[in-house]
Amino acid sequence: MYNYKSEINKASQLMLFVGDYVQLHYNYLGNHSDWVQVIDIEPCDICLLSNGSRVCASSEYIKEALSEGQYKEKHNV
């Protein structure tokens, strides 16, 4: 029997804001260790990133997220 709820729980939604920085699991437009900034949030929690990518605000696509302040502190910007 297929359990729809267990499929939903595999990837958790993230609460992101414009200005946050994220690292992607698969950054097709750059290095996987690159940090990119969220520059807009579209309907259905789709994040437009500074590298031109659009990803869902989900742990399925986003490896790590930092607020703008956390990013600047961590990277001495």
PDB file of N, CA and C in Angstrom:
ATOM      1  N   MET A   1       0.836  -1.180   0.000  1.00  0.00           N
ATOM      2  CA  MET A   1       0.000   0.000   0.000  1.00  0.00           C
ATOM      3  C   MET A   1       0.883   1.246   0.000  1.00  0.00           C
ATOM      4  N   TYR A   2       0.575   2.186  -0.843  1.00  0.00           N
ATOM      5  CA  TYR A   2       1.343   3.416  -0.986  1.00  0.00           C
ATOM      6  C   TYR A   2       0.998   4.382   0.143  1.00  0.00           C
ATOM      7  N   ASN A   3       2.014   4.910   0.823  1.00  0.00           N
ATOM      8  CA  ASN A   3       1.794   5.836   1.924  1.00  0.00           C
ATOM      9  C   ASN A   3       2.212   7.235   1.485  1.00  0.00           C
ATOM     10  N   TYR A   4       1.246   8.029   1.086  1.00  0.00           N
ATOM     11  CA  TYR A   4       1.489   9.380   0.580  1.00  0.00           C
ATOM     12  C   TYR A   4       2.145  10.269   1.635  1.00  0.00           C
ATOM     13  N   LYS A   5       1.728  10.170   2.892  1.00  0.00           N
ATOM     14  CA  LYS A   5       2.287  11.015   3.950  1.00  0.00           C
ATOM     15  C   LYS A   5       3.773  10.767   4.144  1.00  0.00           C
ATOM     16  N   SER A   6       4.218   9.534   4.048  1.00  0.00           N
ATOM     17  CA  SER A   6       5.644   9.276   4.233  1.00  0.00           C
ATOM     18  C   SER A   6       6.461   9.891   3.107  1.00  0.00           C
ATOM     19  N   GLU A   7       5.910   9.971   1.912  1.00  0.00           N
ATOM     20  CA  GLU A   7       6.603  10.626   0.798  1.00  0.00           C
ATOM     21  C   GLU A   7       6.726  12.127   1.041  1.00  0.00           C
ATOM     22  N   ILE A   8       5.704  12.726   1.589  1.00  0.00           N
ATOM     23  CA  ILE A   8       5.722  14.157   1.868  1.00  0.00           C
ATOM     24  C   ILE A   8       6.786  14.491   2.906  1.00  0.00           C
ATOM     25  N   ASN A   9       6.956  13.664   3.906  1.00  0.00           N
ATOM     26  CA  ASN A   9       7.868  13.946   5.007  1.00  0.00           C
ATOM     27  C   ASN A   9       9.336  13.776   4.641  1.00  0.00           C
ATOM     28  N   LYS A  10       9.654  13.163   3.518  1.00  0.00           N
ATOM     29  CA  LYS A  10      11.058  12.947   3.140  1.00  0.00           C
ATOM     30  C   LYS A  10      11.790  14.257   2.909  1.00  0.00           C
ATOM     31  N   ALA A  11      11.159  15.214   2.278  1.00  0.00           N
ATOM     32  CA  ALA A  11      11.764  16.515   2.031  1.00  0.00           C
ATOM     33  C   ALA A  11      10.976  17.560   2.804  1.00  0.00           C
ATOM     34  N   SER A  12      11.663  18.252   3.704  1.00  0.00           N
ATOM     35  CA  SER A  12      10.950  19.243   4.498  1.00  0.00           C
ATOM     36  C   SER A  12      11.044  20.625   3.866  1.00  0.00           C
ATOM     37  N   GLN A  13       9.962  21.364   3.994  1.00  0.00           N
ATOM     38  CA  GLN A  13       9.908  22.734   3.493  1.00  0.00           C
ATOM     39  C   GLN A  13      10.782  23.612   4.373  1.00  0.00           C
ATOM     40  N   LEU A  14      11.410  24.595   3.776  1.00  0.00           N
ATOM     41  CA  LEU A  14      12.238  25.548   4.498  1.00  0.00           C
ATOM     42  C   LEU A  14      11.563  26.908   4.481  1.00  0.00           C
ATOM     43  N   MET A  15      11.744  27.671   5.527  1.00  0.00           N
ATOM     44  CA  MET A  15      11.231  29.030   5.556  1.00  0.00           C
ATOM     45  C   MET A  15      12.382  29.962   5.193  1.00  0.00           C
ATOM     46  N   LEU A  16      12.337  30.485   3.983  1.00  0.00           N
ATOM     47  CA  LEU A  16      13.387  31.365   3.492  1.00  0.00           C
ATOM     48  C   LEU A  16      12.833  32.752   3.236  1.00  0.00           C
ATOM     49  N   PHE A  17      13.714  33.730   3.252  1.00  0.00           N
ATOM     50  CA  PHE A  17      13.338  35.113   3.018  1.00  0.00           C
ATOM     51  C   PHE A  17      14.253  35.705   1.954  1.00  0.00           C
ATOM     52  N   VAL A  18      13.752  36.732   1.269  1.00  0.00           N
ATOM     53  CA  VAL A  18      14.591  37.449   0.309  1.00  0.00           C
ATOM     54  C   VAL A  18      15.803  37.979   1.076  1.00  0.00           C
ATOM     55  N   GLY A  19      16.987  37.750   0.519  1.00  0.00           N
ATOM     56  CA  GLY A  19      18.232  38.162   1.174  1.00  0.00           C
ATOM     57  C   GLY A  19      18.986  37.011   1.809  1.00  0.00           C
ATOM     58  N   ASP A  20      18.291  35.888   2.086  1.00  0.00           N
ATOM     59  CA  ASP A  20      18.967  34.714   2.645  1.00  0.00           C
ATOM     60  C   ASP A  20      19.945  34.137   1.627  1.00  0.00           C
ATOM     61  N   TYR A  21      20.900  33.365   2.121  1.00  0.00           N
ATOM     62  CA  TYR A  21      21.868  32.674   1.273  1.00  0.00           C
ATOM     63  C   TYR A  21      21.674  31.176   1.411  1.00  0.00           C
ATOM     64  N   VAL A  22      21.817  30.452   0.298  1.00  0.00           N
ATOM     65  CA  VAL A  22      21.636  29.002   0.309  1.00  0.00           C
ATOM     66  C   VAL A  22      22.752  28.313  -0.471  1.00  0.00           C
ATOM     67  N   GLN A  23      23.011  27.080  -0.086  1.00  0.00           N
ATOM     68  CA  GLN A  23      23.854  26.171  -0.868  1.00  0.00           C
ATOM     69  C   GLN A  23      22.932  25.097  -1.413  1.00  0.00           C
ATOM     70  N   LEU A  24      23.108  24.753  -2.673  1.00  0.00           N
ATOM     71  CA  LEU A  24      22.254  23.759  -3.317  1.00  0.00           C
ATOM     72  C   LEU A  24      22.922  22.386  -3.302  1.00  0.00           C
ATOM     73  N   HIS A  25      22.119  21.341  -3.284  1.00  0.00           N
ATOM     74  CA  HIS A  25      22.667  19.988  -3.410  1.00  0.00           C
ATOM     75  C   HIS A  25      23.305  19.813  -4.788  1.00  0.00           C
ATOM     76  N   TYR A  26      22.650  20.329  -5.819  1.00  0.00           N
ATOM     77  CA  TYR A  26      23.143  20.210  -7.195  1.00  0.00           C
ATOM     78  C   TYR A  26      23.082  21.577  -7.846  1.00  0.00           C
ATOM     79  N   ASN A  27      24.200  22.273  -7.859  1.00  0.00           N
ATOM     80  CA  ASN A  27      24.259  23.615  -8.430  1.00  0.00           C
ATOM     81  C   ASN A  27      24.733  23.495  -9.873  1.00  0.00           C
ATOM     82  N   TYR A  28      23.798  23.394 -10.786  1.00  0.00           N
ATOM     83  CA  TYR A  28      24.125  23.192 -12.191  1.00  0.00           C
ATOM     84  C   TYR A  28      24.759  24.424 -12.832  1.00  0.00           C
ATOM     85  N   LEU A  29      24.594  25.588 -12.189  1.00  0.00           N
ATOM     86  CA  LEU A  29      25.124  26.816 -12.759  1.00  0.00           C
ATOM     87  C   LEU A  29      26.378  27.287 -12.037  1.00  0.00           C
ATOM     88  N   GLY A  30      27.037  26.407 -11.312  1.00  0.00           N
ATOM     89  CA  GLY A  30      28.260  26.784 -10.596  1.00  0.00           C
ATOM     90  C   GLY A  30      28.770  25.643  -9.751  1.00  0.00           C
ATOM     91  N   ASN A  31      29.662  25.970  -8.851  1.00  0.00           N
ATOM     92  CA  ASN A  31      30.279  25.009  -7.948  1.00  0.00           C
ATOM     93  C   ASN A  31      29.280  24.636  -6.850  1.00  0.00           C
ATOM     94  N   HIS A  32      29.259  23.385  -6.441  1.00  0.00           N
ATOM     95  CA  HIS A  32      28.323  22.926  -5.413  1.00  0.00           C
ATOM     96  C   HIS A  32      28.559  23.614  -4.071  1.00  0.00           C
ATOM     97  N   SER A  33      29.754  24.139  -3.837  1.00  0.00           N
ATOM     98  CA  SER A  33      30.023  24.818  -2.569  1.00  0.00           C
ATOM     99  C   SER A  33      29.677  26.306  -2.616  1.00  0.00           C
ATOM    100  N   ASP A  34      29.248  26.805  -3.772  1.00  0.00           N
ATOM    101  CA  ASP A  34      28.881  28.216  -3.904  1.00  0.00           C
ATOM    102  C   ASP A  34      27.654  28.544  -3.059  1.00  0.00           C
ATOM    103  N   TRP A  35      27.674  29.721  -2.469  1.00  0.00           N
ATOM    104  CA  TRP A  35      26.508  30.261  -1.788  1.00  0.00           C
ATOM    105  C   TRP A  35      25.828  31.214  -2.746  1.00  0.00           C
ATOM    106  N   VAL A  36      24.526  31.109  -2.896  1.00  0.00           N
ATOM    107  CA  VAL A  36      23.762  32.004  -3.757  1.00  0.00           C
ATOM    108  C   VAL A  36      22.665  32.655  -2.923  1.00  0.00           C
ATOM    109  N   GLN A  37      22.300  33.867  -3.317  1.00  0.00           N
ATOM    110  CA  GLN A  37      21.337  34.633  -2.538  1.00  0.00           C
ATOM    111  C   GLN A  37      19.933  34.492  -3.114  1.00  0.00           C
ATOM    112  N   VAL A  38      18.953  34.429  -2.224  1.00  0.00           N
ATOM    113  CA  VAL A  38      17.546  34.432  -2.621  1.00  0.00           C
ATOM    114  C   VAL A  38      17.193  35.871  -2.982  1.00  0.00           C
ATOM    115  N   ILE A  39      16.826  36.110  -4.255  1.00  0.00           N
ATOM    116  CA  ILE A  39      16.513  37.483  -4.670  1.00  0.00           C
ATOM    117  C   ILE A  39      15.020  37.717  -4.856  1.00  0.00           C
ATOM    118  N   ASP A  40      14.228  36.653  -4.929  1.00  0.00           N
ATOM    119  CA  ASP A  40      12.780  36.792  -5.006  1.00  0.00           C
ATOM    120  C   ASP A  40      12.150  35.459  -4.616  1.00  0.00           C
ATOM    121  N   ILE A  41      10.935  35.522  -4.120  1.00  0.00           N
ATOM    122  CA  ILE A  41      10.182  34.311  -3.803  1.00  0.00           C
ATOM    123  C   ILE A  41       8.871  34.389  -4.569  1.00  0.00           C
ATOM    124  N   GLU A  42       8.659  33.398  -5.414  1.00  0.00           N
ATOM    125  CA  GLU A  42       7.494  33.337  -6.293  1.00  0.00           C
ATOM    126  C   GLU A  42       6.430  32.450  -5.653  1.00  0.00           C
ATOM    127  N   PRO A  43       5.227  32.444  -6.208  1.00  0.00           N
ATOM    128  CA  PRO A  43       4.172  31.572  -5.663  1.00  0.00           C
ATOM    129  C   PRO A  43       4.641  30.118  -5.538  1.00  0.00           C
ATOM    130  N   CYS A  44       4.053  29.415  -4.594  1.00  0.00           N
ATOM    131  CA  CYS A  44       4.359  27.994  -4.309  1.00  0.00           C
ATOM    132  C   CYS A  44       5.770  27.821  -3.763  1.00  0.00           C
ATOM    133  N   ASP A  45       6.300  28.833  -3.084  1.00  0.00           N
ATOM    134  CA  ASP A  45       7.618  28.777  -2.437  1.00  0.00           C
ATOM    135  C   ASP A  45       8.762  28.482  -3.402  1.00  0.00           C
ATOM    136  N   ILE A  46       8.673  29.006  -4.612  1.00  0.00           N
ATOM    137  CA  ILE A  46       9.774  28.891  -5.577  1.00  0.00           C
ATOM    138  C   ILE A  46      10.703  30.077  -5.353  1.00  0.00           C
ATOM    139  N   CYS A  47      11.975  29.784  -5.115  1.00  0.00           N
ATOM    140  CA  CYS A  47      12.968  30.827  -4.854  1.00  0.00           C
ATOM    141  C   CYS A  47      13.753  31.132  -6.124  1.00  0.00           C
ATOM    142  N   LEU A  48      13.828  32.401  -6.480  1.00  0.00           N
ATOM    143  CA  LEU A  48      14.681  32.858  -7.569  1.00  0.00           C
ATOM    144  C   LEU A  48      16.005  33.230  -6.934  1.00  0.00           C
ATOM    145  N   LEU A  49      17.069  32.620  -7.436  1.00  0.00           N
ATOM    146  CA  LEU A  49      18.397  32.793  -6.840  1.00  0.00           C
ATOM    147  C   LEU A  49      19.277  33.712  -7.671  1.00  0.00           C
ATOM    148  N   SER A  50      20.319  34.224  -7.038  1.00  0.00           N
ATOM    149  CA  SER A  50      21.206  35.191  -7.685  1.00  0.00           C
ATOM    150  C   SER A  50      21.955  34.608  -8.879  1.00  0.00           C
ATOM    151  N   ASN A  51      22.016  33.291  -9.003  1.00  0.00           N
ATOM    152  CA  ASN A  51      22.672  32.679 -10.164  1.00  0.00           C
ATOM    153  C   ASN A  51      21.688  32.383 -11.293  1.00  0.00           C
ATOM    154  N   GLY A  52      20.428  32.800 -11.130  1.00  0.00           N
ATOM    155  CA  GLY A  52      19.421  32.600 -12.158  1.00  0.00           C
ATOM    156  C   GLY A  52      18.590  31.339 -11.992  1.00  0.00           C
ATOM    157  N   SER A  53      18.945  30.497 -11.043  1.00  0.00           N
ATOM    158  CA  SER A  53      18.201  29.257 -10.806  1.00  0.00           C
ATOM    159  C   SER A  53      16.883  29.550 -10.092  1.00  0.00           C
ATOM    160  N   ARG A  54      15.943  28.649 -10.281  1.00  0.00           N
ATOM    161  CA  ARG A  54      14.692  28.646  -9.533  1.00  0.00           C
ATOM    162  C   ARG A  54      14.584  27.280  -8.860  1.00  0.00           C
ATOM    163  N   VAL A  55      14.422  27.282  -7.544  1.00  0.00           N
ATOM    164  CA  VAL A  55      14.292  26.029  -6.798  1.00  0.00           C
ATOM    165  C   VAL A  55      13.177  26.154  -5.772  1.00  0.00           C
ATOM    166  N   CYS A  56      12.610  25.028  -5.425  1.00  0.00           N
ATOM    167  CA  CYS A  56      11.619  24.963  -4.370  1.00  0.00           C
ATOM    168  C   CYS A  56      12.324  25.152  -3.024  1.00  0.00           C
ATOM    169  N   ALA A  57      11.688  25.854  -2.111  1.00  0.00           N
ATOM    170  CA  ALA A  57      12.244  26.066  -0.768  1.00  0.00           C
ATOM    171  C   ALA A  57      12.099  24.777   0.026  1.00  0.00           C
ATOM    172  N   SER A  58      12.933  23.804  -0.298  1.00  0.00           N
ATOM    173  CA  SER A  58      12.824  22.472   0.276  1.00  0.00           C
ATOM    174  C   SER A  58      14.216  21.883   0.493  1.00  0.00           C
ATOM    175  N   SER A  59      14.334  21.051   1.511  1.00  0.00           N
ATOM    176  CA  SER A  59      15.614  20.387   1.778  1.00  0.00           C
ATOM    177  C   SER A  59      15.988  19.408   0.661  1.00  0.00           C
ATOM    178  N   GLU A  60      15.052  19.109  -0.208  1.00  0.00           N
ATOM    179  CA  GLU A  60      15.353  18.260  -1.358  1.00  0.00           C
ATOM    180  C   GLU A  60      16.338  18.952  -2.308  1.00  0.00           C
ATOM    181  N   TYR A  61      16.261  20.273  -2.385  1.00  0.00           N
ATOM    182  CA  TYR A  61      17.108  21.045  -3.295  1.00  0.00           C
ATOM    183  C   TYR A  61      18.165  21.867  -2.567  1.00  0.00           C
ATOM    184  N   ILE A  62      17.865  22.289  -1.348  1.00  0.00           N
ATOM    185  CA  ILE A  62      18.741  23.194  -0.609  1.00  0.00           C
ATOM    186  C   ILE A  62      19.452  22.435   0.502  1.00  0.00           C
ATOM    187  N   LYS A  63      20.782  22.474   0.434  1.00  0.00           N
ATOM    188  CA  LYS A  63      21.615  21.756   1.398  1.00  0.00           C
ATOM    189  C   LYS A  63      21.719  22.517   2.715  1.00  0.00           C
ATOM    190  N   GLU A  64      21.892  23.838   2.633  1.00  0.00           N
ATOM    191  CA  GLU A  64      22.063  24.660   3.831  1.00  0.00           C
ATOM    192  C   GLU A  64      21.550  26.062   3.537  1.00  0.00           C
ATOM    193  N   ALA A  65      21.040  26.715   4.557  1.00  0.00           N
ATOM    194  CA  ALA A  65      20.538  28.083   4.397  1.00  0.00           C
ATOM    195  C   ALA A  65      21.013  28.925   5.571  1.00  0.00           C
ATOM    196  N   LEU A  66      21.361  30.180   5.266  1.00  0.00           N
ATOM    197  CA  LEU A  66      21.769  31.144   6.282  1.00  0.00           C
ATOM    198  C   LEU A  66      21.053  32.464   6.031  1.00  0.00           C
ATOM    199  N   SER A  67      20.730  33.163   7.104  1.00  0.00           N
ATOM    200  CA  SER A  67      20.210  34.517   6.930  1.00  0.00           C
ATOM    201  C   SER A  67      21.350  35.385   6.402  1.00  0.00           C
ATOM    202  N   GLU A  68      21.016  36.566   5.922  1.00  0.00           N
ATOM    203  CA  GLU A  68      22.052  37.462   5.403  1.00  0.00           C
ATOM    204  C   GLU A  68      23.076  37.792   6.493  1.00  0.00           C
ATOM    205  N   GLY A  69      22.613  38.040   7.713  1.00  0.00           N
ATOM    206  CA  GLY A  69      23.508  38.337   8.832  1.00  0.00           C
ATOM    207  C   GLY A  69      24.407  37.162   9.173  1.00  0.00           C
ATOM    208  N   GLN A  70      23.848  35.952   9.218  1.00  0.00           N
ATOM    209  CA  GLN A  70      24.645  34.752   9.503  1.00  0.00           C
ATOM    210  C   GLN A  70      25.698  34.532   8.419  1.00  0.00           C
ATOM    211  N   TYR A  71      25.301  34.757   7.164  1.00  0.00           N
ATOM    212  CA  TYR A  71      26.231  34.583   6.053  1.00  0.00           C
ATOM    213  C   TYR A  71      27.413  35.555   6.177  1.00  0.00           C
ATOM    214  N   LYS A  72      27.115  36.823   6.461  1.00  0.00           N
ATOM    215  CA  LYS A  72      28.164  37.835   6.565  1.00  0.00           C
ATOM    216  C   LYS A  72      29.092  37.535   7.734  1.00  0.00           C
ATOM    217  N   GLU A  73      28.529  37.062   8.832  1.00  0.00           N
ATOM    218  CA  GLU A  73      29.350  36.717  10.009  1.00  0.00           C
ATOM    219  C   GLU A  73      30.242  35.511   9.711  1.00  0.00           C
ATOM    220  N   LYS A  74      29.673  34.492   9.103  1.00  0.00           N
ATOM    221  CA  LYS A  74      30.419  33.255   8.822  1.00  0.00           C
ATOM    222  C   LYS A  74      31.533  33.492   7.798  1.00  0.00           C
ATOM    223  N   HIS A  75      31.301  34.383   6.832  1.00  0.00           N
ATOM    224  CA  HIS A  75      32.263  34.611   5.755  1.00  0.00           C
ATOM    225  C   HIS A  75      33.013  35.933   5.897  1.00  0.00           C
ATOM    226  N   ASN A  76      32.912  36.558   7.055  1.00  0.00           N
ATOM    227  CA  ASN A  76      33.617  37.802   7.341  1.00  0.00           C
ATOM    228  C   ASN A  76      33.430  38.848   6.249  1.00  0.00           C
ATOM    229  N   VAL A  77      32.195  39.052   5.845  1.00  0.00           N
ATOM    230  CA  VAL A  77      31.891  40.030   4.789  1.00  0.00           C
ATOM    231  C   VAL A  77      31.534  41.353   5.432  1.00  0.00           C
TER     232      VAL A  77
END
